[in-house]
């Protein structure tokens, strides 16, 4: 196999460990290597080539630099550029946190959280299709169960490549998933409805006229409206997809019970607030409400709040 090494500079501040270690759905994608250095690995599909990216930080949070080693068939200049852009997107390298940080400077709770999580960017799905499927697979089940199902789904239907004794998987493609039967997906412990939703999203991804891949140029409002008209997609999933799949940063899942609880406890002295109140309250973070949500959830996981 051939290797190609590229160095990139994310927009500072950029905390590689916090960002790469967040929402990792691929088994073994974020690890400590034999030197104890954090390493993010993911298999990418480049037209008819598979390439493994292995990313490490060679800079600092305030002067970030990442080293990417691509392993696989020899890449030409265009393929190297394409693979590099995919990594930049997935690891949120081009997100500028400065306006959000300025916005919350006087917010006592959020400014304290930002200080603890300085440089956390939002990792993204490689495509809107991937984002939809990950969201559906995680609906209404515990996080640990969702992680197992997502991994089994990826390994069952994704293309694989073995590198130095380790096997890596690409996220399954819409054409593969659209040809599956309900019973095949049921073998992964999906409910019949979820299996139907997954196949429906795959077929929509193949519709180049009205399908989900046409959402990119729609307004946030129109994206939400189009999403909730799909089977199995409610407002929570629509907001998730708008952020994780399209890289929009004013999405806010006000109906999320965990988010309601976090904000109620942090800003309302523990008095429970409903979705409408939470949504109105969140306008203080607009147009960067996604960053606020991401930082609040990360703070909860890190026991900062």
C-alpha atoms as a PDB file:
ATOM      1  CA  UNK A   1       0.000   0.000   0.000  1.00  0.00           C
ATOM      2  CA  UNK A   2       1.054   3.597  -0.609  1.00  0.00           C
ATOM      3  CA  UNK A   3       1.024   6.432   1.920  1.00  0.00           C
ATOM      4  CA  UNK A   4       0.648  10.168   1.412  1.00  0.00           C
ATOM      5  CA  UNK A   5       1.124  12.707   4.202  1.00  0.00           C
ATOM      6  CA  UNK A   6      -0.576  16.103   4.264  1.00  0.00           C
ATOM      7  CA  UNK A   7      -0.498  18.848   6.891  1.00  0.00           C
ATOM      8  CA  UNK A   8      -3.461  21.188   7.425  1.00  0.00           C
ATOM      9  CA  UNK A   9      -4.221  24.105   9.724  1.00  0.00           C
ATOM     10  CA  UNK A  10      -7.698  24.243  11.303  1.00  0.00           C
ATOM     11  CA  UNK A  11      -9.126  27.616  12.332  1.00  0.00           C
ATOM     12  CA  UNK A  12      -7.925  28.399  15.848  1.00  0.00           C
ATOM     13  CA  UNK A  13      -8.695  27.682  18.571  1.00  0.00           C
ATOM     14  CA  UNK A  14      -8.959  23.985  17.760  1.00  0.00           C
ATOM     15  CA  UNK A  15      -8.823  21.234  20.372  1.00  0.00           C
ATOM     16  CA  UNK A  16      -8.151  18.031  18.431  1.00  0.00           C
ATOM     17  CA  UNK A  17      -8.716  15.659  21.339  1.00  0.00           C
ATOM     18  CA  UNK A  18     -12.096  17.162  22.281  1.00  0.00           C
ATOM     19  CA  UNK A  19     -13.281  17.424  18.679  1.00  0.00           C
ATOM     20  CA  UNK A  20     -12.094  14.066  17.314  1.00  0.00           C
ATOM     21  CA  UNK A  21     -13.270  12.251  20.443  1.00  0.00           C
ATOM     22  CA  UNK A  22     -16.832  13.577  20.163  1.00  0.00           C
ATOM     23  CA  UNK A  23     -19.610  11.458  18.608  1.00  0.00           C
ATOM     24  CA  UNK A  24     -17.319   8.826  17.139  1.00  0.00           C
ATOM     25  CA  UNK A  25     -19.550   6.203  15.492  1.00  0.00           C
ATOM     26  CA  UNK A  26     -16.838   4.079  13.914  1.00  0.00           C
ATOM     27  CA  UNK A  27     -15.234   1.402  16.090  1.00  0.00           C
ATOM     28  CA  UNK A  28     -11.610   2.266  16.836  1.00  0.00           C
ATOM     29  CA  UNK A  29     -11.800   5.614  15.063  1.00  0.00           C
ATOM     30  CA  UNK A  30     -10.401   7.589  18.005  1.00  0.00           C
ATOM     31  CA  UNK A  31      -7.605   5.807  19.836  1.00  0.00           C
ATOM     32  CA  UNK A  32      -4.286   6.306  21.563  1.00  0.00           C
ATOM     33  CA  UNK A  33      -1.582   4.838  19.321  1.00  0.00           C
ATOM     34  CA  UNK A  34       1.445   2.844  20.502  1.00  0.00           C
ATOM     35  CA  UNK A  35       3.145   6.105  21.511  1.00  0.00           C
ATOM     36  CA  UNK A  36       0.136   7.221  23.548  1.00  0.00           C
ATOM     37  CA  UNK A  37      -0.724   9.911  20.977  1.00  0.00           C
ATOM     38  CA  UNK A  38      -4.410  10.545  20.128  1.00  0.00           C
ATOM     39  CA  UNK A  39      -5.173   9.374  16.615  1.00  0.00           C
ATOM     40  CA  UNK A  40      -8.365   9.719  14.549  1.00  0.00           C
ATOM     41  CA  UNK A  41      -8.824   7.092  11.830  1.00  0.00           C
ATOM     42  CA  UNK A  42     -11.510   6.720   9.214  1.00  0.00           C
ATOM     43  CA  UNK A  43     -11.873   4.884   5.923  1.00  0.00           C
ATOM     44  CA  UNK A  44     -12.898   7.159   3.048  1.00  0.00           C
ATOM     45  CA  UNK A  45     -14.418   6.265  -0.329  1.00  0.00           C
ATOM     46  CA  UNK A  46     -12.898   8.181  -3.266  1.00  0.00           C
ATOM     47  CA  UNK A  47     -14.800   7.185  -6.416  1.00  0.00           C
ATOM     48  CA  UNK A  48     -13.362   3.672  -6.959  1.00  0.00           C
ATOM     49  CA  UNK A  49     -10.628   3.873  -4.310  1.00  0.00           C
ATOM     50  CA  UNK A  50     -10.594   3.239  -0.585  1.00  0.00           C
ATOM     51  CA  UNK A  51      -8.173   5.252   1.534  1.00  0.00           C
ATOM     52  CA  UNK A  52      -7.589   5.191   5.275  1.00  0.00           C
ATOM     53  CA  UNK A  53      -6.958   8.563   6.885  1.00  0.00           C
ATOM     54  CA  UNK A  54      -4.986   8.682  10.124  1.00  0.00           C
ATOM     55  CA  UNK A  55      -4.978  12.108  11.788  1.00  0.00           C
ATOM     56  CA  UNK A  56      -2.809  13.367  14.644  1.00  0.00           C
ATOM     57  CA  UNK A  57      -2.261  16.805  16.132  1.00  0.00           C
ATOM     58  CA  UNK A  58       1.192  18.331  15.647  1.00  0.00           C
ATOM     59  CA  UNK A  59       0.252  21.797  16.893  1.00  0.00           C
ATOM     60  CA  UNK A  60      -1.459  23.371  19.871  1.00  0.00           C
ATOM     61  CA  UNK A  61      -5.022  24.462  20.622  1.00  0.00           C
ATOM     62  CA  UNK A  62      -4.274  28.098  19.804  1.00  0.00           C
ATOM     63  CA  UNK A  63      -1.860  27.314  16.953  1.00  0.00           C
ATOM     64  CA  UNK A  64      -3.355  24.122  15.543  1.00  0.00           C
ATOM     65  CA  UNK A  65      -1.861  21.893  12.893  1.00  0.00           C
ATOM     66  CA  UNK A  66      -2.899  18.375  11.917  1.00  0.00           C
ATOM     67  CA  UNK A  67      -0.921  15.674  10.142  1.00  0.00           C
ATOM     68  CA  UNK A  68      -2.971  13.362   7.903  1.00  0.00           C
ATOM     69  CA  UNK A  69      -1.523  10.108   6.612  1.00  0.00           C
ATOM     70  CA  UNK A  70      -3.534   8.556   3.762  1.00  0.00           C
ATOM     71  CA  UNK A  71      -2.975   4.810   3.285  1.00  0.00           C
ATOM     72  CA  UNK A  72      -4.262   2.804   0.320  1.00  0.00           C
ATOM     73  CA  UNK A  73      -3.890   2.805  -3.438  1.00  0.00           C
ATOM     74  CA  UNK A  74      -1.705   5.608  -4.750  1.00  0.00           C
ATOM     75  CA  UNK A  75      -3.574   8.930  -4.827  1.00  0.00           C
ATOM     76  CA  UNK A  76      -3.140  11.573  -7.499  1.00  0.00           C
ATOM     77  CA  UNK A  77      -3.207  15.295  -6.665  1.00  0.00           C
ATOM     78  CA  UNK A  78      -6.977  15.651  -7.150  1.00  0.00           C
ATOM     79  CA  UNK A  79      -7.732  12.598  -5.015  1.00  0.00           C
ATOM     80  CA  UNK A  80      -5.415  13.805  -2.269  1.00  0.00           C
ATOM     81  CA  UNK A  81      -7.181  17.171  -2.302  1.00  0.00           C
ATOM     82  CA  UNK A  82     -10.613  15.510  -2.191  1.00  0.00           C
ATOM     83  CA  UNK A  83      -9.620  13.253   0.711  1.00  0.00           C
ATOM     84  CA  UNK A  84      -8.122  16.204   2.586  1.00  0.00           C
ATOM     85  CA  UNK A  85     -11.306  18.239   2.154  1.00  0.00           C
ATOM     86  CA  UNK A  86     -13.362  15.326   3.506  1.00  0.00           C
ATOM     87  CA  UNK A  87     -11.192  15.218   6.626  1.00  0.00           C
ATOM     88  CA  UNK A  88     -11.429  18.992   7.077  1.00  0.00           C
ATOM     89  CA  UNK A  89     -15.228  18.710   6.872  1.00  0.00           C
ATOM     90  CA  UNK A  90     -15.633  15.694   9.156  1.00  0.00           C
ATOM     91  CA  UNK A  91     -13.363  17.172  11.837  1.00  0.00           C
ATOM     92  CA  UNK A  92     -14.897  20.662  11.627  1.00  0.00           C
ATOM     93  CA  UNK A  93     -11.575  22.299  10.788  1.00  0.00           C
ATOM     94  CA  UNK A  94     -13.066  25.333   9.011  1.00  0.00           C
ATOM     95  CA  UNK A  95     -15.502  26.349  11.740  1.00  0.00           C
ATOM     96  CA  UNK A  96     -14.797  29.779  13.231  1.00  0.00           C
ATOM     97  CA  UNK A  97     -15.719  29.859  16.934  1.00  0.00           C
ATOM     98  CA  UNK A  98     -14.853  33.530  17.485  1.00  0.00           C
ATOM     99  CA  UNK A  99     -18.330  35.005  16.995  1.00  0.00           C
ATOM    100  CA  UNK A 100     -19.912  32.425  19.297  1.00  0.00           C
ATOM    101  CA  UNK A 101     -17.255  33.024  21.940  1.00  0.00           C
ATOM    102  CA  UNK A 102     -17.817  36.797  21.706  1.00  0.00           C
ATOM    103  CA  UNK A 103     -21.585  36.298  21.925  1.00  0.00           C
ATOM    104  CA  UNK A 104     -21.448  34.304  25.180  1.00  0.00           C
ATOM    105  CA  UNK A 105     -18.691  36.288  26.887  1.00  0.00           C
ATOM    106  CA  UNK A 106     -21.222  37.824  29.316  1.00  0.00           C
ATOM    107  CA  UNK A 107     -23.204  34.589  29.778  1.00  0.00           C
ATOM    108  CA  UNK A 108     -21.970  33.333  33.151  1.00  0.00           C
ATOM    109  CA  UNK A 109     -22.837  29.679  32.576  1.00  0.00           C
ATOM    110  CA  UNK A 110     -21.798  29.398  28.945  1.00  0.00           C
ATOM    111  CA  UNK A 111     -18.590  31.408  29.330  1.00  0.00           C
ATOM    112  CA  UNK A 112     -17.537  29.043  32.136  1.00  0.00           C
ATOM    113  CA  UNK A 113     -18.285  26.045  29.916  1.00  0.00           C
ATOM    114  CA  UNK A 114     -16.384  27.581  26.984  1.00  0.00           C
ATOM    115  CA  UNK A 115     -13.356  28.156  29.169  1.00  0.00           C
ATOM    116  CA  UNK A 116     -13.312  24.458  30.101  1.00  0.00           C
ATOM    117  CA  UNK A 117     -13.924  23.257  26.522  1.00  0.00           C
ATOM    118  CA  UNK A 118     -11.870  25.869  24.684  1.00  0.00           C
ATOM    119  CA  UNK A 119     -11.391  24.940  21.033  1.00  0.00           C
ATOM    120  CA  UNK A 120     -14.102  22.276  20.756  1.00  0.00           C
ATOM    121  CA  UNK A 121     -15.360  22.207  17.155  1.00  0.00           C
ATOM    122  CA  UNK A 122     -18.373  20.240  15.925  1.00  0.00           C
ATOM    123  CA  UNK A 123     -17.517  17.003  14.058  1.00  0.00           C
ATOM    124  CA  UNK A 124     -19.816  16.387  11.106  1.00  0.00           C
ATOM    125  CA  UNK A 125     -21.145  13.458   9.096  1.00  0.00           C
ATOM    126  CA  UNK A 126     -19.557  12.900   5.695  1.00  0.00           C
ATOM    127  CA  UNK A 127     -22.955  13.323   4.004  1.00  0.00           C
ATOM    128  CA  UNK A 128     -26.561  14.194   4.723  1.00  0.00           C
ATOM    129  CA  UNK A 129     -27.432  10.530   4.066  1.00  0.00           C
ATOM    130  CA  UNK A 130     -25.034   9.393   6.792  1.00  0.00           C
ATOM    131  CA  UNK A 131     -26.500  11.971   9.160  1.00  0.00           C
ATOM    132  CA  UNK A 132     -30.088  10.831   8.566  1.00  0.00           C
ATOM    133  CA  UNK A 133     -29.238   7.165   9.053  1.00  0.00           C
ATOM    134  CA  UNK A 134     -27.210   7.724  12.231  1.00  0.00           C
ATOM    135  CA  UNK A 135     -30.057   9.765  13.671  1.00  0.00           C
ATOM    136  CA  UNK A 136     -32.721   7.168  12.850  1.00  0.00           C
ATOM    137  CA  UNK A 137     -30.625   4.337  14.282  1.00  0.00           C
ATOM    138  CA  UNK A 138     -30.334   6.272  17.541  1.00  0.00           C
ATOM    139  CA  UNK A 139     -33.974   7.258  17.935  1.00  0.00           C
ATOM    140  CA  UNK A 140     -35.668   6.423  21.261  1.00  0.00           C
ATOM    141  CA  UNK A 141     -33.001   4.047  22.563  1.00  0.00           C
ATOM    142  CA  UNK A 142     -30.160   4.347  25.066  1.00  0.00           C
ATOM    143  CA  UNK A 143     -26.873   5.789  23.781  1.00  0.00           C
ATOM    144  CA  UNK A 144     -24.886   2.615  24.458  1.00  0.00           C
ATOM    145  CA  UNK A 145     -27.422   0.503  22.555  1.00  0.00           C
ATOM    146  CA  UNK A 146     -27.449   3.012  19.681  1.00  0.00           C
ATOM    147  CA  UNK A 147     -23.647   2.827  19.479  1.00  0.00           C
ATOM    148  CA  UNK A 148     -23.739  -0.954  19.115  1.00  0.00           C
ATOM    149  CA  UNK A 149     -26.466  -0.873  16.444  1.00  0.00           C
ATOM    150  CA  UNK A 150     -24.649   1.831  14.464  1.00  0.00           C
ATOM    151  CA  UNK A 151     -21.411  -0.134  14.522  1.00  0.00           C
ATOM    152  CA  UNK A 152     -23.150  -3.348  13.453  1.00  0.00           C
ATOM    153  CA  UNK A 153     -24.916  -1.487  10.625  1.00  0.00           C
ATOM    154  CA  UNK A 154     -21.648   0.004   9.349  1.00  0.00           C
ATOM    155  CA  UNK A 155     -19.807  -3.319   9.540  1.00  0.00           C
ATOM    156  CA  UNK A 156     -22.643  -5.290   7.950  1.00  0.00           C
ATOM    157  CA  UNK A 157     -23.089  -3.089   4.876  1.00  0.00           C
ATOM    158  CA  UNK A 158     -20.039  -0.833   4.568  1.00  0.00           C
ATOM    159  CA  UNK A 159     -17.076  -1.496   2.273  1.00  0.00           C
ATOM    160  CA  UNK A 160     -14.015  -2.621   4.227  1.00  0.00           C
ATOM    161  CA  UNK A 161     -10.237  -2.408   3.998  1.00  0.00           C
ATOM    162  CA  UNK A 162      -7.592  -4.140   6.123  1.00  0.00           C
ATOM    163  CA  UNK A 163      -4.483  -2.144   7.022  1.00  0.00           C
ATOM    164  CA  UNK A 164      -1.685  -3.617   9.170  1.00  0.00           C
ATOM    165  CA  UNK A 165      -4.007  -6.205  10.701  1.00  0.00           C
ATOM    166  CA  UNK A 166      -6.881  -3.809  11.485  1.00  0.00           C
ATOM    167  CA  UNK A 167     -10.115  -3.742   9.478  1.00  0.00           C
ATOM    168  CA  UNK A 168     -11.825  -0.432   8.724  1.00  0.00           C
ATOM    169  CA  UNK A 169     -15.240   0.270   7.228  1.00  0.00           C
ATOM    170  CA  UNK A 170     -16.755   3.006   5.077  1.00  0.00           C
ATOM    171  CA  UNK A 171     -20.262   4.177   5.859  1.00  0.00           C
ATOM    172  CA  UNK A 172     -22.732   2.170   3.710  1.00  0.00           C
ATOM    173  CA  UNK A 173     -23.869   3.822   0.483  1.00  0.00           C
ATOM    174  CA  UNK A 174     -27.504   4.618  -0.418  1.00  0.00           C
ATOM    175  CA  UNK A 175     -27.541   2.174  -3.343  1.00  0.00           C
ATOM    176  CA  UNK A 176     -26.548  -0.712  -1.052  1.00  0.00           C
ATOM    177  CA  UNK A 177     -29.096   0.176   1.636  1.00  0.00           C
ATOM    178  CA  UNK A 178     -31.947   0.828  -0.806  1.00  0.00           C
ATOM    179  CA  UNK A 179     -31.676  -2.774  -2.035  1.00  0.00           C
ATOM    180  CA  UNK A 180     -32.011  -4.299   1.451  1.00  0.00           C
ATOM    181  CA  UNK A 181     -35.159  -5.940   2.751  1.00  0.00           C
ATOM    182  CA  UNK A 182     -36.944  -5.122   5.984  1.00  0.00           C
ATOM    183  CA  UNK A 183     -36.009  -8.551   7.365  1.00  0.00           C
ATOM    184  CA  UNK A 184     -32.289  -7.971   6.690  1.00  0.00           C
ATOM    185  CA  UNK A 185     -32.333  -4.795   8.754  1.00  0.00           C
ATOM    186  CA  UNK A 186     -34.463  -6.463  11.401  1.00  0.00           C
ATOM    187  CA  UNK A 187     -31.528  -8.844  11.936  1.00  0.00           C
ATOM    188  CA  UNK A 188     -29.635  -5.830  13.312  1.00  0.00           C
ATOM    189  CA  UNK A 189     -32.348  -5.437  15.970  1.00  0.00           C
ATOM    190  CA  UNK A 190     -34.050  -2.551  14.180  1.00  0.00           C
ATOM    191  CA  UNK A 191     -37.792  -2.300  14.555  1.00  0.00           C
ATOM    192  CA  UNK A 192     -39.838  -2.812  11.411  1.00  0.00           C
ATOM    193  CA  UNK A 193     -40.631   0.911  11.274  1.00  0.00           C
ATOM    194  CA  UNK A 194     -36.992   1.943  11.650  1.00  0.00           C
ATOM    195  CA  UNK A 195     -36.028  -0.479   8.906  1.00  0.00           C
ATOM    196  CA  UNK A 196     -38.646   1.099   6.650  1.00  0.00           C
ATOM    197  CA  UNK A 197     -37.382   4.587   7.491  1.00  0.00           C
ATOM    198  CA  UNK A 198     -33.761   3.652   6.721  1.00  0.00           C
ATOM    199  CA  UNK A 199     -34.648   2.175   3.328  1.00  0.00           C
ATOM    200  CA  UNK A 200     -36.865   5.177   2.573  1.00  0.00           C
ATOM    201  CA  UNK A 201     -34.012   7.611   3.288  1.00  0.00           C
ATOM    202  CA  UNK A 202     -31.668   5.566   1.078  1.00  0.00           C
ATOM    203  CA  UNK A 203     -34.136   5.772  -1.807  1.00  0.00           C
ATOM    204  CA  UNK A 204     -34.509   9.522  -1.244  1.00  0.00           C
ATOM    205  CA  UNK A 205     -30.720   9.895  -1.418  1.00  0.00           C
ATOM    206  CA  UNK A 206     -30.846   8.340  -4.894  1.00  0.00           C
ATOM    207  CA  UNK A 207     -33.523  10.808  -6.040  1.00  0.00           C
ATOM    208  CA  UNK A 208     -31.474  13.584  -7.623  1.00  0.00           C
ATOM    209  CA  UNK A 209     -34.497  15.794  -8.308  1.00  0.00           C
ATOM    210  CA  UNK A 210     -36.370  15.990  -4.989  1.00  0.00           C
ATOM    211  CA  UNK A 211     -34.299  13.840  -2.649  1.00  0.00           C
ATOM    212  CA  UNK A 212     -32.303  14.695   0.462  1.00  0.00           C
ATOM    213  CA  UNK A 213     -29.205  15.666  -1.513  1.00  0.00           C
ATOM    214  CA  UNK A 214     -31.117  18.679  -2.877  1.00  0.00           C
ATOM    215  CA  UNK A 215     -31.434  20.242   0.596  1.00  0.00           C
ATOM    216  CA  UNK A 216     -28.007  21.860   0.615  1.00  0.00           C
ATOM    217  CA  UNK A 217     -29.123  25.179  -0.855  1.00  0.00           C
ATOM    218  CA  UNK A 218     -32.401  25.475   1.073  1.00  0.00           C
ATOM    219  CA  UNK A 219     -32.914  27.881   3.969  1.00  0.00           C
ATOM    220  CA  UNK A 220     -32.849  26.457   7.500  1.00  0.00           C
ATOM    221  CA  UNK A 221     -36.623  26.783   7.702  1.00  0.00           C
ATOM    222  CA  UNK A 222     -37.153  24.958   4.413  1.00  0.00           C
ATOM    223  CA  UNK A 223     -34.713  22.197   5.401  1.00  0.00           C
ATOM    224  CA  UNK A 224     -36.736  21.529   8.553  1.00  0.00           C
ATOM    225  CA  UNK A 225     -40.001  21.509   6.608  1.00  0.00           C
ATOM    226  CA  UNK A 226     -38.667  19.102   4.001  1.00  0.00           C
ATOM    227  CA  UNK A 227     -37.177  16.827   6.652  1.00  0.00           C
ATOM    228  CA  UNK A 228     -40.328  16.455   8.739  1.00  0.00           C
ATOM    229  CA  UNK A 229     -42.258  15.459   5.635  1.00  0.00           C
ATOM    230  CA  UNK A 230     -40.119  12.315   5.405  1.00  0.00           C
ATOM    231  CA  UNK A 231     -41.322   9.158   7.155  1.00  0.00           C
ATOM    232  CA  UNK A 232     -39.760   8.722  10.575  1.00  0.00           C
ATOM    233  CA  UNK A 233     -38.328  12.250  10.782  1.00  0.00           C
ATOM    234  CA  UNK A 234     -39.499  14.609  13.524  1.00  0.00           C
ATOM    235  CA  UNK A 235     -38.225  18.031  14.562  1.00  0.00           C
ATOM    236  CA  UNK A 236     -35.428  16.619  16.742  1.00  0.00           C
ATOM    237  CA  UNK A 237     -33.990  14.566  13.885  1.00  0.00           C
ATOM    238  CA  UNK A 238     -34.543  17.414  11.411  1.00  0.00           C
ATOM    239  CA  UNK A 239     -32.478  19.769  13.577  1.00  0.00           C
ATOM    240  CA  UNK A 240     -29.792  17.099  13.994  1.00  0.00           C
ATOM    241  CA  UNK A 241     -29.563  16.603  10.218  1.00  0.00           C
ATOM    242  CA  UNK A 242     -29.480  20.337   9.534  1.00  0.00           C
ATOM    243  CA  UNK A 243     -26.428  20.589  11.794  1.00  0.00           C
ATOM    244  CA  UNK A 244     -24.639  17.268  11.437  1.00  0.00           C
ATOM    245  CA  UNK A 245     -25.422  16.688   7.773  1.00  0.00           C
ATOM    246  CA  UNK A 246     -25.449  20.209   6.343  1.00  0.00           C
ATOM    247  CA  UNK A 247     -23.141  22.089   8.702  1.00  0.00           C
ATOM    248  CA  UNK A 248     -25.724  24.709   9.701  1.00  0.00           C
ATOM    249  CA  UNK A 249     -25.081  26.160  13.147  1.00  0.00           C
ATOM    250  CA  UNK A 250     -28.387  27.606  14.320  1.00  0.00           C
ATOM    251  CA  UNK A 251     -30.188  24.293  14.753  1.00  0.00           C
ATOM    252  CA  UNK A 252     -31.682  23.763  18.192  1.00  0.00           C
ATOM    253  CA  UNK A 253     -33.630  20.642  19.245  1.00  0.00           C
ATOM    254  CA  UNK A 254     -35.829  22.337  21.858  1.00  0.00           C
ATOM    255  CA  UNK A 255     -37.872  19.158  22.271  1.00  0.00           C
ATOM    256  CA  UNK A 256     -34.870  17.200  23.537  1.00  0.00           C
ATOM    257  CA  UNK A 257     -35.644  16.293  27.156  1.00  0.00           C
ATOM    258  CA  UNK A 258     -31.987  16.138  28.191  1.00  0.00           C
ATOM    259  CA  UNK A 259     -31.371  19.606  26.747  1.00  0.00           C
ATOM    260  CA  UNK A 260     -34.454  20.954  28.534  1.00  0.00           C
ATOM    261  CA  UNK A 261     -33.143  19.531  31.786  1.00  0.00           C
ATOM    262  CA  UNK A 262     -29.637  20.977  31.340  1.00  0.00           C
ATOM    263  CA  UNK A 263     -30.933  24.476  30.613  1.00  0.00           C
ATOM    264  CA  UNK A 264     -33.561  24.309  33.372  1.00  0.00           C
ATOM    265  CA  UNK A 265     -30.927  23.335  35.929  1.00  0.00           C
ATOM    266  CA  UNK A 266     -28.283  25.780  34.700  1.00  0.00           C
ATOM    267  CA  UNK A 267     -30.403  28.855  34.016  1.00  0.00           C
ATOM    268  CA  UNK A 268     -33.744  28.419  35.832  1.00  0.00           C
ATOM    269  CA  UNK A 269     -32.589  27.212  39.269  1.00  0.00           C
ATOM    270  CA  UNK A 270     -33.763  23.701  38.456  1.00  0.00           C
ATOM    271  CA  UNK A 271     -37.370  24.690  37.692  1.00  0.00           C
ATOM    272  CA  UNK A 272     -38.429  22.536  34.701  1.00  0.00           C
ATOM    273  CA  UNK A 273     -39.091  24.477  31.494  1.00  0.00           C
ATOM    274  CA  UNK A 274     -41.052  23.271  28.484  1.00  0.00           C
ATOM    275  CA  UNK A 275     -39.878  23.153  24.869  1.00  0.00           C
ATOM    276  CA  UNK A 276     -41.461  26.481  23.941  1.00  0.00           C
ATOM    277  CA  UNK A 277     -39.777  28.325  26.806  1.00  0.00           C
ATOM    278  CA  UNK A 278     -36.449  26.648  26.071  1.00  0.00           C
ATOM    279  CA  UNK A 279     -36.698  27.607  22.408  1.00  0.00           C
ATOM    280  CA  UNK A 280     -37.390  31.240  23.242  1.00  0.00           C
ATOM    281  CA  UNK A 281     -34.545  31.260  25.770  1.00  0.00           C
ATOM    282  CA  UNK A 282     -32.134  29.817  23.190  1.00  0.00           C
ATOM    283  CA  UNK A 283     -32.530  32.874  20.968  1.00  0.00           C
ATOM    284  CA  UNK A 284     -29.845  34.553  23.098  1.00  0.00           C
ATOM    285  CA  UNK A 285     -27.356  32.248  21.336  1.00  0.00           C
ATOM    286  CA  UNK A 286     -28.684  32.768  17.808  1.00  0.00           C
ATOM    287  CA  UNK A 287     -27.294  32.382  15.140  1.00  0.00           C
ATOM    288  CA  UNK A 288     -24.910  29.976  16.909  1.00  0.00           C
ATOM    289  CA  UNK A 289     -27.363  27.860  18.885  1.00  0.00           C
ATOM    290  CA  UNK A 290     -25.776  24.620  17.692  1.00  0.00           C
ATOM    291  CA  UNK A 291     -22.506  25.555  19.377  1.00  0.00           C
ATOM    292  CA  UNK A 292     -24.404  26.284  22.585  1.00  0.00           C
ATOM    293  CA  UNK A 293     -26.112  22.879  22.420  1.00  0.00           C
ATOM    294  CA  UNK A 294     -22.851  21.090  21.653  1.00  0.00           C
ATOM    295  CA  UNK A 295     -21.024  22.779  24.503  1.00  0.00           C
ATOM    296  CA  UNK A 296     -23.812  22.116  27.011  1.00  0.00           C
ATOM    297  CA  UNK A 297     -23.934  18.403  26.163  1.00  0.00           C
ATOM    298  CA  UNK A 298     -20.132  18.149  26.209  1.00  0.00           C
ATOM    299  CA  UNK A 299     -20.070  19.884  29.597  1.00  0.00           C
ATOM    300  CA  UNK A 300     -22.615  17.414  30.929  1.00  0.00           C
ATOM    301  CA  UNK A 301     -20.525  14.447  29.736  1.00  0.00           C
ATOM    302  CA  UNK A 302     -17.399  15.978  31.288  1.00  0.00           C
ATOM    303  CA  UNK A 303     -19.198  16.731  34.596  1.00  0.00           C
ATOM    304  CA  UNK A 304     -18.527  20.447  34.190  1.00  0.00           C
ATOM    305  CA  UNK A 305     -22.143  21.462  34.833  1.00  0.00           C
END
